[in-house]
């Protein structure tokens, strides 16, 4: 059972930056996607950004130009650099791993990001 451990959330003022990290407990050899989703109170969980193991990136329109996703395959880790944060970015951010060989989805425990105005 792969475990995902997230870190880097917190409280920041609007316009500030945060960097989230998510480390997988073991190396996923097969082609896979790692990404970040978020869920605000009363709303559905939504994709923020994801990246495949060969580096193809995908972003939600609401974060394009402000957030950057990256990964270090040697460390089994995915990062989310969040700049120019807005109060509407406030949510619990979840890391997701999807190995395409098994299609079993793994989720992290979530990390709170709060942006004050």
N, C-alpha and C. Protein backbone atom coordinates (compact mmCIF):
# COMPACT_ATOMS: atom_id res chain seq x y z
N UNK A 1 0.84 -1.18 0.00
CA UNK A 1 0.00 0.00 0.00
C UNK A 1 0.89 1.25 0.00
N UNK A 2 0.78 2.03 -1.06
CA UNK A 2 1.58 3.25 -1.15
C UNK A 2 0.96 4.31 -0.25
N UNK A 3 1.81 5.01 0.47
CA UNK A 3 1.35 6.12 1.29
C UNK A 3 1.91 7.42 0.73
N UNK A 4 1.10 8.46 0.79
CA UNK A 4 1.51 9.78 0.33
C UNK A 4 1.53 10.72 1.53
N UNK A 5 2.65 11.39 1.73
CA UNK A 5 2.80 12.29 2.86
C UNK A 5 2.99 13.70 2.35
N UNK A 6 2.07 14.56 2.71
CA UNK A 6 2.08 15.95 2.25
C UNK A 6 2.66 16.87 3.32
N UNK A 7 3.21 17.98 2.87
CA UNK A 7 3.70 19.00 3.79
C UNK A 7 3.71 20.33 3.07
N UNK A 8 3.79 21.41 3.86
CA UNK A 8 3.96 22.73 3.28
C UNK A 8 2.76 23.65 3.34
N UNK A 9 1.64 23.17 3.82
CA UNK A 9 0.48 24.05 3.92
C UNK A 9 0.65 25.07 5.03
N UNK A 10 -0.30 26.00 5.12
CA UNK A 10 -0.22 26.99 6.17
C UNK A 10 -1.08 28.20 5.87
N UNK A 11 -0.82 29.25 6.62
CA UNK A 11 -1.55 30.51 6.50
C UNK A 11 -0.65 31.55 5.84
N UNK A 12 -1.17 32.21 4.83
CA UNK A 12 -0.39 33.22 4.12
C UNK A 12 -1.32 34.35 3.71
N UNK A 13 -0.77 35.53 3.57
CA UNK A 13 -1.55 36.68 3.11
C UNK A 13 -1.72 36.63 1.60
N UNK A 14 -2.75 37.26 1.13
CA UNK A 14 -2.99 37.35 -0.31
C UNK A 14 -1.76 37.95 -0.99
N UNK A 15 -1.39 37.35 -2.11
CA UNK A 15 -0.20 37.77 -2.83
C UNK A 15 1.06 37.01 -2.44
N UNK A 16 0.96 36.23 -1.38
CA UNK A 16 2.10 35.47 -0.91
C UNK A 16 2.28 34.15 -1.64
N UNK A 17 3.24 33.37 -1.15
CA UNK A 17 3.59 32.11 -1.80
C UNK A 17 3.69 30.99 -0.78
N UNK A 18 3.42 29.79 -1.25
CA UNK A 18 3.63 28.57 -0.47
C UNK A 18 4.11 27.48 -1.42
N UNK A 19 4.82 26.52 -0.86
CA UNK A 19 5.26 25.36 -1.64
C UNK A 19 4.81 24.10 -0.94
N UNK A 20 4.02 23.30 -1.64
CA UNK A 20 3.57 22.03 -1.11
C UNK A 20 4.46 20.90 -1.63
N UNK A 21 4.66 19.90 -0.78
CA UNK A 21 5.41 18.71 -1.18
C UNK A 21 4.60 17.46 -0.87
N UNK A 22 4.77 16.46 -1.68
CA UNK A 22 4.09 15.18 -1.46
C UNK A 22 5.07 14.07 -1.82
N UNK A 23 5.40 13.25 -0.82
CA UNK A 23 6.35 12.16 -1.03
C UNK A 23 5.63 10.81 -0.97
N UNK A 24 5.87 9.99 -1.97
CA UNK A 24 5.33 8.63 -1.98
C UNK A 24 6.27 7.71 -1.20
N UNK A 25 5.68 6.73 -0.51
CA UNK A 25 6.48 5.85 0.36
C UNK A 25 7.30 4.84 -0.41
N UNK A 26 7.00 4.66 -1.70
CA UNK A 26 7.79 3.75 -2.50
C UNK A 26 7.81 4.24 -3.94
N UNK A 27 8.76 3.75 -4.67
CA UNK A 27 8.91 4.16 -6.06
C UNK A 27 7.87 3.45 -6.92
N UNK A 28 7.23 4.22 -7.76
CA UNK A 28 6.27 3.67 -8.71
C UNK A 28 6.98 3.52 -10.04
N UNK A 29 7.19 2.29 -10.44
CA UNK A 29 7.99 2.04 -11.64
C UNK A 29 7.19 2.31 -12.90
N UNK A 30 5.91 1.98 -12.88
CA UNK A 30 5.11 2.12 -14.09
C UNK A 30 4.77 3.58 -14.36
N UNK A 31 4.33 3.83 -15.59
CA UNK A 31 3.90 5.17 -15.98
C UNK A 31 2.81 5.63 -15.02
N UNK A 32 2.91 6.86 -14.54
CA UNK A 32 1.95 7.31 -13.55
C UNK A 32 1.74 8.82 -13.61
N UNK A 33 0.70 9.26 -12.95
CA UNK A 33 0.42 10.68 -12.81
C UNK A 33 0.37 11.01 -11.32
N UNK A 34 1.03 12.08 -10.95
CA UNK A 34 0.92 12.62 -9.58
C UNK A 34 0.37 14.02 -9.70
N UNK A 35 -0.46 14.38 -8.75
CA UNK A 35 -1.07 15.70 -8.87
C UNK A 35 -1.63 16.21 -7.57
N UNK A 36 -2.18 17.39 -7.67
CA UNK A 36 -2.78 18.07 -6.53
C UNK A 36 -4.24 18.41 -6.84
N UNK A 37 -5.07 18.13 -5.88
CA UNK A 37 -6.48 18.51 -5.92
C UNK A 37 -6.76 19.36 -4.70
N UNK A 38 -7.84 20.09 -4.72
CA UNK A 38 -8.22 20.87 -3.54
C UNK A 38 -9.72 20.82 -3.33
N UNK A 39 -10.08 21.02 -2.07
CA UNK A 39 -11.49 21.02 -1.72
C UNK A 39 -11.75 22.12 -0.70
N UNK A 40 -12.57 23.08 -1.10
CA UNK A 40 -12.97 24.17 -0.22
C UNK A 40 -14.27 23.76 0.48
N UNK A 41 -14.57 24.37 1.60
CA UNK A 41 -15.80 24.02 2.34
C UNK A 41 -17.04 24.17 1.47
N UNK A 42 -17.86 23.14 1.44
CA UNK A 42 -19.09 23.18 0.68
C UNK A 42 -18.93 22.99 -0.81
N UNK A 43 -17.72 22.70 -1.25
CA UNK A 43 -17.48 22.53 -2.69
C UNK A 43 -16.91 21.14 -2.97
N UNK A 44 -16.98 20.74 -4.24
CA UNK A 44 -16.43 19.46 -4.64
C UNK A 44 -14.91 19.56 -4.78
N UNK A 45 -14.27 18.42 -4.63
CA UNK A 45 -12.84 18.36 -4.85
C UNK A 45 -12.56 18.61 -6.34
N UNK A 46 -11.54 19.43 -6.60
CA UNK A 46 -11.23 19.79 -7.98
C UNK A 46 -9.74 19.65 -8.26
N UNK A 47 -9.43 19.39 -9.51
CA UNK A 47 -8.04 19.30 -9.93
C UNK A 47 -7.40 20.68 -9.89
N UNK A 48 -6.19 20.73 -9.34
CA UNK A 48 -5.38 21.94 -9.40
C UNK A 48 -4.34 21.79 -10.51
N UNK A 49 -3.56 20.73 -10.42
CA UNK A 49 -2.53 20.47 -11.43
C UNK A 49 -2.06 19.03 -11.28
N UNK A 50 -1.63 18.46 -12.40
CA UNK A 50 -0.99 17.15 -12.31
C UNK A 50 0.14 17.06 -13.33
N UNK A 51 0.98 16.04 -13.13
CA UNK A 51 2.15 15.85 -14.00
C UNK A 51 2.40 14.35 -14.13
N UNK A 52 2.67 13.93 -15.35
CA UNK A 52 2.95 12.52 -15.57
C UNK A 52 4.42 12.22 -15.26
N UNK A 53 4.75 10.95 -15.22
CA UNK A 53 6.11 10.55 -14.90
C UNK A 53 7.10 10.93 -16.00
N UNK A 54 6.60 11.34 -17.17
CA UNK A 54 7.50 11.81 -18.20
C UNK A 54 7.39 13.32 -18.37
N UNK A 55 6.70 13.98 -17.44
CA UNK A 55 6.76 15.43 -17.38
C UNK A 55 5.65 16.22 -18.05
N UNK A 56 4.61 15.54 -18.53
CA UNK A 56 3.51 16.28 -19.15
C UNK A 56 2.67 16.89 -18.04
N UNK A 57 2.45 18.20 -18.10
CA UNK A 57 1.76 18.94 -17.05
C UNK A 57 0.38 19.41 -17.51
N UNK A 58 -0.50 19.50 -16.53
CA UNK A 58 -1.88 19.94 -16.78
C UNK A 58 -2.29 20.82 -15.61
N UNK A 59 -2.91 21.99 -15.92
CA UNK A 59 -3.31 22.93 -14.88
C UNK A 59 -4.77 23.32 -15.01
N UNK A 60 -5.39 23.58 -13.88
CA UNK A 60 -6.72 24.19 -13.90
C UNK A 60 -6.56 25.63 -14.38
N UNK A 61 -7.56 26.12 -15.10
CA UNK A 61 -7.47 27.49 -15.63
C UNK A 61 -7.29 28.51 -14.51
N UNK A 62 -7.86 28.25 -13.36
CA UNK A 62 -7.83 29.22 -12.26
C UNK A 62 -6.44 29.42 -11.67
N UNK A 63 -5.51 28.51 -11.95
CA UNK A 63 -4.17 28.62 -11.36
C UNK A 63 -3.08 28.81 -12.39
N UNK A 64 -3.43 28.77 -13.66
CA UNK A 64 -2.42 28.93 -14.71
C UNK A 64 -1.71 30.27 -14.55
N UNK A 65 -0.38 30.23 -14.66
CA UNK A 65 0.42 31.43 -14.53
C UNK A 65 0.78 31.77 -13.10
N UNK A 66 0.15 31.10 -12.13
CA UNK A 66 0.45 31.37 -10.72
C UNK A 66 1.06 30.16 -10.02
N UNK A 67 0.61 28.97 -10.38
CA UNK A 67 1.10 27.74 -9.75
C UNK A 67 1.98 26.97 -10.73
N UNK A 68 2.97 26.28 -10.18
CA UNK A 68 3.83 25.43 -10.98
C UNK A 68 3.97 24.07 -10.30
N UNK A 69 3.69 23.02 -11.06
CA UNK A 69 3.86 21.67 -10.54
C UNK A 69 5.14 21.09 -11.08
N UNK A 70 5.84 20.34 -10.25
CA UNK A 70 7.06 19.68 -10.68
C UNK A 70 7.20 18.38 -9.90
N UNK A 71 8.10 17.53 -10.36
CA UNK A 71 8.31 16.27 -9.64
C UNK A 71 9.76 15.85 -9.74
N UNK A 72 10.18 15.10 -8.74
CA UNK A 72 11.51 14.53 -8.69
C UNK A 72 11.31 13.02 -8.60
N UNK A 73 11.46 12.33 -9.72
CA UNK A 73 11.21 10.89 -9.75
C UNK A 73 12.18 10.12 -8.86
N UNK A 74 13.38 10.61 -8.71
CA UNK A 74 14.36 9.93 -7.86
C UNK A 74 13.93 9.95 -6.39
N UNK A 75 13.18 10.99 -6.02
CA UNK A 75 12.71 11.12 -4.63
C UNK A 75 11.24 10.74 -4.47
N UNK A 76 10.62 10.30 -5.57
CA UNK A 76 9.20 9.93 -5.53
C UNK A 76 8.35 11.07 -4.97
N UNK A 77 8.67 12.28 -5.35
CA UNK A 77 8.05 13.46 -4.75
C UNK A 77 7.52 14.40 -5.83
N UNK A 78 6.36 14.98 -5.53
CA UNK A 78 5.78 15.99 -6.39
C UNK A 78 5.64 17.28 -5.58
N UNK A 79 5.84 18.40 -6.25
CA UNK A 79 5.79 19.71 -5.60
C UNK A 79 4.75 20.59 -6.27
N UNK A 80 4.24 21.54 -5.50
CA UNK A 80 3.35 22.56 -6.06
C UNK A 80 3.81 23.90 -5.52
N UNK A 81 4.39 24.71 -6.39
CA UNK A 81 4.78 26.07 -6.03
C UNK A 81 3.61 26.98 -6.32
N UNK A 82 3.12 27.64 -5.29
CA UNK A 82 1.94 28.50 -5.42
C UNK A 82 2.35 29.94 -5.16
N UNK A 83 2.23 30.76 -6.18
CA UNK A 83 2.56 32.18 -6.08
C UNK A 83 1.30 33.02 -6.28
N UNK A 84 1.38 34.28 -5.91
CA UNK A 84 0.26 35.21 -6.08
C UNK A 84 -1.04 34.61 -5.55
N UNK A 85 -0.96 34.08 -4.36
CA UNK A 85 -2.12 33.39 -3.78
C UNK A 85 -3.28 34.35 -3.53
N UNK A 86 -4.47 33.83 -3.71
CA UNK A 86 -5.69 34.59 -3.54
C UNK A 86 -6.55 33.94 -2.44
N UNK A 87 -7.42 34.70 -1.81
CA UNK A 87 -8.30 34.09 -0.79
C UNK A 87 -9.11 32.91 -1.34
N UNK A 88 -9.46 32.94 -2.61
CA UNK A 88 -10.23 31.84 -3.19
C UNK A 88 -9.40 30.57 -3.39
N UNK A 89 -8.10 30.65 -3.14
CA UNK A 89 -7.26 29.45 -3.16
C UNK A 89 -7.34 28.68 -1.84
N UNK A 90 -8.00 29.27 -0.86
CA UNK A 90 -8.13 28.61 0.44
C UNK A 90 -8.88 27.30 0.30
N UNK A 91 -8.26 26.22 0.78
CA UNK A 91 -8.85 24.88 0.66
C UNK A 91 -7.93 23.88 1.34
N UNK A 92 -8.41 22.67 1.46
CA UNK A 92 -7.53 21.55 1.81
C UNK A 92 -6.98 20.99 0.50
N UNK A 93 -5.68 20.87 0.43
CA UNK A 93 -5.02 20.39 -0.77
C UNK A 93 -4.61 18.93 -0.57
N UNK A 94 -4.99 18.11 -1.55
CA UNK A 94 -4.73 16.68 -1.48
C UNK A 94 -3.79 16.26 -2.61
N UNK A 95 -2.86 15.42 -2.28
CA UNK A 95 -1.97 14.82 -3.27
C UNK A 95 -2.61 13.53 -3.79
N UNK A 96 -2.44 13.28 -5.07
CA UNK A 96 -3.01 12.09 -5.69
C UNK A 96 -1.95 11.39 -6.54
N UNK A 97 -1.95 10.08 -6.47
CA UNK A 97 -1.07 9.26 -7.30
C UNK A 97 -1.91 8.25 -8.06
N UNK A 98 -1.70 8.16 -9.37
CA UNK A 98 -2.41 7.19 -10.19
C UNK A 98 -1.42 6.44 -11.06
N UNK A 99 -1.08 5.20 -10.65
CA UNK A 99 -0.27 4.36 -11.54
C UNK A 99 -1.16 3.83 -12.66
N UNK A 100 -0.76 4.07 -13.90
CA UNK A 100 -1.63 3.70 -15.00
C UNK A 100 -1.72 2.18 -15.18
N UNK A 101 -0.76 1.44 -14.64
CA UNK A 101 -0.79 -0.01 -14.81
C UNK A 101 -1.89 -0.66 -13.96
N UNK A 102 -2.20 -0.07 -12.82
CA UNK A 102 -3.19 -0.67 -11.92
C UNK A 102 -4.48 0.14 -11.82
N UNK A 103 -4.40 1.42 -12.17
CA UNK A 103 -5.52 2.35 -12.04
C UNK A 103 -6.03 2.43 -10.60
N UNK A 104 -5.18 2.08 -9.64
CA UNK A 104 -5.55 2.24 -8.22
C UNK A 104 -5.15 3.65 -7.81
N UNK A 105 -6.08 4.40 -7.27
CA UNK A 105 -5.82 5.79 -6.90
C UNK A 105 -5.41 5.87 -5.44
N UNK A 106 -4.33 6.59 -5.19
CA UNK A 106 -3.87 6.84 -3.82
C UNK A 106 -4.03 8.32 -3.51
N UNK A 107 -4.47 8.62 -2.29
CA UNK A 107 -4.64 9.99 -1.83
C UNK A 107 -3.82 10.25 -0.58
N UNK A 108 -3.31 11.46 -0.47
CA UNK A 108 -2.70 11.89 0.77
C UNK A 108 -3.76 12.30 1.77
N UNK A 109 -3.31 12.67 2.95
CA UNK A 109 -4.23 13.00 4.02
C UNK A 109 -4.77 14.43 3.92
N UNK A 110 -4.15 15.23 3.10
CA UNK A 110 -4.57 16.61 2.92
C UNK A 110 -3.79 17.59 3.78
N UNK A 111 -3.58 18.78 3.24
CA UNK A 111 -2.91 19.83 3.98
C UNK A 111 -3.68 21.14 3.76
N UNK A 112 -3.90 21.87 4.84
CA UNK A 112 -4.72 23.08 4.77
C UNK A 112 -3.90 24.25 4.25
N UNK A 113 -4.47 24.95 3.28
CA UNK A 113 -3.91 26.21 2.80
C UNK A 113 -4.96 27.30 3.04
N UNK A 114 -4.57 28.31 3.78
CA UNK A 114 -5.48 29.42 4.07
C UNK A 114 -4.84 30.72 3.62
N UNK A 115 -5.55 31.46 2.78
CA UNK A 115 -5.05 32.73 2.26
C UNK A 115 -5.94 33.84 2.80
N UNK A 116 -5.36 34.72 3.57
CA UNK A 116 -6.11 35.82 4.16
C UNK A 116 -6.08 37.05 3.26
N UNK A 117 -7.14 37.80 3.30
CA UNK A 117 -7.23 39.00 2.44
C UNK A 117 -6.68 40.23 3.14
